[in-house]
Protein backbone atom coordinates (compact mmCIF):
# COMPACT_ATOMS: atom_id res chain seq x y z
CA MET A 1 23.12 -20.18 20.85
CA ILE A 2 25.10 -18.18 19.25
CA SER A 3 24.07 -16.48 15.93
CA GLY A 4 26.95 -14.07 14.99
CA GLN A 5 29.07 -14.19 12.58
CA GLU A 6 31.79 -17.01 11.09
CA VAL A 7 35.40 -15.95 11.97
CA PHE A 8 38.59 -18.03 11.15
CA LEU A 9 41.93 -17.70 14.03
CA SER A 10 44.90 -19.10 13.21
CA VAL A 11 46.88 -20.26 16.75
CA GLY A 12 50.31 -20.81 16.83
CA SER A 13 52.91 -21.12 19.73
CA ASN A 14 56.81 -22.18 19.61
CA LEU A 15 57.74 -21.58 22.99
CA GLY A 16 57.50 -23.45 26.26
CA ASP A 17 54.70 -26.44 25.71
CA ARG A 18 53.76 -25.15 22.10
CA LEU A 19 50.83 -27.97 21.59
CA GLU A 20 49.43 -26.68 25.43
CA ASN A 21 49.44 -23.05 24.63
CA CYS A 22 47.95 -23.17 21.89
CA LYS A 23 44.61 -25.52 23.36
CA ARG A 24 44.76 -22.97 26.25
CA GLY A 25 44.71 -19.68 23.48
CA ILE A 26 42.26 -21.71 22.07
CA ALA A 27 40.33 -22.63 25.33
CA GLY A 28 40.65 -18.75 26.02
CA LEU A 29 38.19 -17.73 23.05
CA PHE A 30 35.25 -19.61 25.02
CA GLU A 31 35.76 -17.91 28.32
CA TYR A 32 33.45 -14.68 26.72
CA GLY A 33 30.05 -16.68 26.75
CA THR A 34 29.87 -15.28 22.85
CA THR A 35 31.89 -17.70 20.86
CA ALA A 36 31.30 -20.83 19.72
CA LEU A 37 33.63 -23.24 18.29
CA THR A 38 32.52 -24.82 14.78
CA GLY A 39 35.65 -26.24 13.16
CA GLN A 40 39.28 -26.93 14.08
CA SER A 41 42.21 -28.22 12.25
CA PRO A 42 44.73 -30.69 13.32
CA PHE A 43 47.35 -28.91 14.91
CA TYR A 44 50.94 -28.80 12.60
CA MET A 45 54.54 -28.45 13.15
CA THR A 46 55.49 -25.69 10.84
CA GLU A 47 58.75 -24.34 9.65
CA PRO A 48 58.89 -20.30 10.87
CA VAL A 49 58.94 -17.89 8.03
CA ASP A 50 60.29 -14.48 7.14
CA TYR A 51 62.53 -15.23 10.76
CA THR A 52 63.87 -18.59 10.37
CA ASP A 53 66.32 -18.53 13.23
CA GLN A 54 63.63 -20.10 15.40
CA ASP A 55 62.16 -23.09 16.58
CA TRP A 56 59.40 -24.52 14.79
CA PHE A 57 55.98 -23.97 15.40
CA VAL A 58 52.89 -25.70 16.11
CA ASN A 59 49.76 -24.00 14.57
CA ALA A 60 46.10 -24.52 13.65
CA VAL A 61 43.52 -23.29 12.87
CA VAL A 62 39.89 -23.09 14.15
CA ARG A 63 36.49 -21.55 12.75
CA ILE A 64 34.77 -19.94 15.42
CA ARG A 65 31.24 -18.33 15.38
CA THR A 66 31.24 -14.85 17.52
CA ASP A 67 28.59 -12.38 18.67
CA LEU A 68 31.68 -10.16 19.33
CA SER A 69 32.17 -6.99 16.69
CA PRO A 70 35.91 -7.61 14.72
CA ASN A 71 37.46 -4.95 17.58
CA ALA A 72 36.34 -6.36 20.39
CA LEU A 73 37.17 -9.98 19.30
CA LEU A 74 40.69 -8.29 18.63
CA GLU A 75 40.91 -6.88 22.02
CA ALA A 76 39.89 -10.48 23.73
CA LEU A 77 42.64 -11.98 21.61
CA LEU A 78 45.03 -9.79 22.78
CA THR A 79 43.94 -10.64 26.38
CA ILE A 80 44.17 -14.08 25.87
CA GLN A 81 47.52 -13.76 24.44
CA ARG A 82 48.84 -11.23 27.24
CA ARG A 83 47.61 -13.74 29.95
CA ALA A 84 49.83 -16.68 28.21
CA GLY A 85 52.66 -14.24 29.14
CA ARG A 86 52.97 -12.85 25.09
CA ILE A 87 54.81 -9.65 25.63
CA ARG A 88 56.11 -6.70 23.04
CA ASP A 89 57.57 -8.56 20.36
CA PRO A 90 61.22 -7.74 20.18
CA VAL A 91 61.90 -9.53 16.58
CA ARG A 92 59.11 -9.18 14.10
CA PHE A 93 58.27 -12.69 12.77
CA GLY A 94 59.90 -13.76 16.20
CA PRO A 95 59.74 -16.42 18.59
CA ARG A 96 55.93 -15.99 20.66
CA ILE A 97 54.52 -18.37 23.24
CA LEU A 98 51.03 -17.47 21.77
CA ASP A 99 50.31 -15.92 18.09
CA LEU A 100 46.23 -15.67 17.94
CA ASP A 101 45.34 -13.65 14.61
CA ILE A 102 42.01 -12.97 12.96
CA LEU A 103 42.47 -14.36 9.06
CA LEU A 104 38.95 -14.02 8.05
CA TYR A 105 35.95 -12.18 9.63
CA GLY A 106 33.21 -13.49 7.31
CA SER A 107 33.42 -12.17 3.57
CA ARG A 108 34.30 -8.16 5.69
CA VAL A 109 37.00 -6.48 4.30
CA ILE A 110 38.43 -4.57 7.62
CA ARG A 111 41.64 -1.73 7.11
CA THR A 112 41.53 -0.10 10.48
CA GLY A 113 44.76 1.66 12.32
CA GLU A 114 44.78 -1.70 14.68
CA LEU A 115 43.28 -4.50 12.27
CA ILE A 116 43.63 -5.67 8.97
CA VAL A 117 41.24 -8.35 7.51
CA PRO A 118 41.43 -11.03 5.91
CA HIS A 119 44.65 -11.54 7.41
CA PRO A 120 47.56 -9.49 4.72
CA ARG A 121 49.67 -12.56 4.37
CA MET A 122 47.36 -15.47 4.91
CA HIS A 123 47.23 -16.10 1.19
CA GLU A 124 51.32 -16.60 1.31
CA ARG A 125 50.92 -19.12 4.64
CA ARG A 126 50.81 -22.65 4.21
CA PHE A 127 50.94 -23.04 7.84
CA VAL A 128 47.21 -20.93 7.45
CA LEU A 129 46.14 -22.17 3.91
CA GLN A 130 46.95 -26.42 4.68
CA PRO A 131 44.70 -26.12 8.41
CA MET A 132 41.76 -23.79 6.79
CA CYS A 133 41.57 -26.54 3.81
CA ASP A 134 41.25 -29.05 6.41
CA ILE A 135 38.55 -27.34 7.69
CA ASP A 136 36.70 -25.88 4.25
CA PRO A 137 38.80 -26.04 1.26
CA ASN A 138 36.15 -24.10 -0.32
CA VAL A 139 36.43 -21.01 1.38
CA ILE A 140 36.99 -17.68 -0.47
CA HIS A 141 39.16 -15.14 0.15
CA PRO A 142 37.30 -11.71 -0.04
CA VAL A 143 39.79 -10.17 -1.74
CA LEU A 144 41.67 -12.36 -4.26
CA LYS A 145 38.04 -14.10 -4.60
CA LYS A 146 40.05 -17.59 -4.89
CA ARG A 147 39.20 -20.47 -2.84
CA MET A 148 41.51 -21.71 0.37
CA ARG A 149 42.59 -25.10 -1.79
CA ASP A 150 43.22 -23.05 -5.13
CA LEU A 151 45.41 -20.27 -2.85
CA LEU A 152 47.30 -23.43 -0.97
CA ASP A 153 48.11 -25.32 -4.47
CA ALA A 154 49.96 -21.82 -5.99
CA LEU A 155 52.20 -22.28 -3.22
CA ASP A 156 56.02 -23.14 -4.32
CA GLU A 157 56.02 -26.86 -3.63
CA GLY A 158 58.39 -27.84 -0.77
CA SER A 159 57.98 -24.05 0.91
CA GLN A 160 57.39 -24.19 4.37
CA LYS A 161 57.38 -27.45 5.54
CA ILE A 162 54.27 -28.72 7.42
CA GLN A 163 53.82 -32.01 9.62
CA VAL A 164 50.90 -32.74 11.24
CA CYS A 165 51.67 -32.96 14.86
CA PRO A 166 52.27 -37.02 16.54
């Protein structure tokens, strides 16, 4: 039994078989034997933000329990992304075969050269907040001290279109 920390991760892809890329990314988390899935949102088709001249993404959020430290988890996520074929992004916020991000690591606030948790833009992203609310709308953002539902409700209505994958 995994007794470690509760962590929320975002999963996304907008290249190739987007849904399958996300599913394989999630499956890759469990190869380490130190991680258990405790919740998963539906998969969503999501409009790109920031760099909009690209295909829509498939996104989801998973809640895991892990014995990996934040840095070890980050290394695992980077390895899973590389194995999926992700190379260094030529365009910031551009197309990617697989994107795995640590959103929350318990209630910890982490700021290192390699890792910032909570994810610095998660409170602005419908494609993160909606799936997080599907899992648990009452999770508190450790810096903003607001529930995920309140952060989602504060976004402009109609911005960042998302729809559940068929």
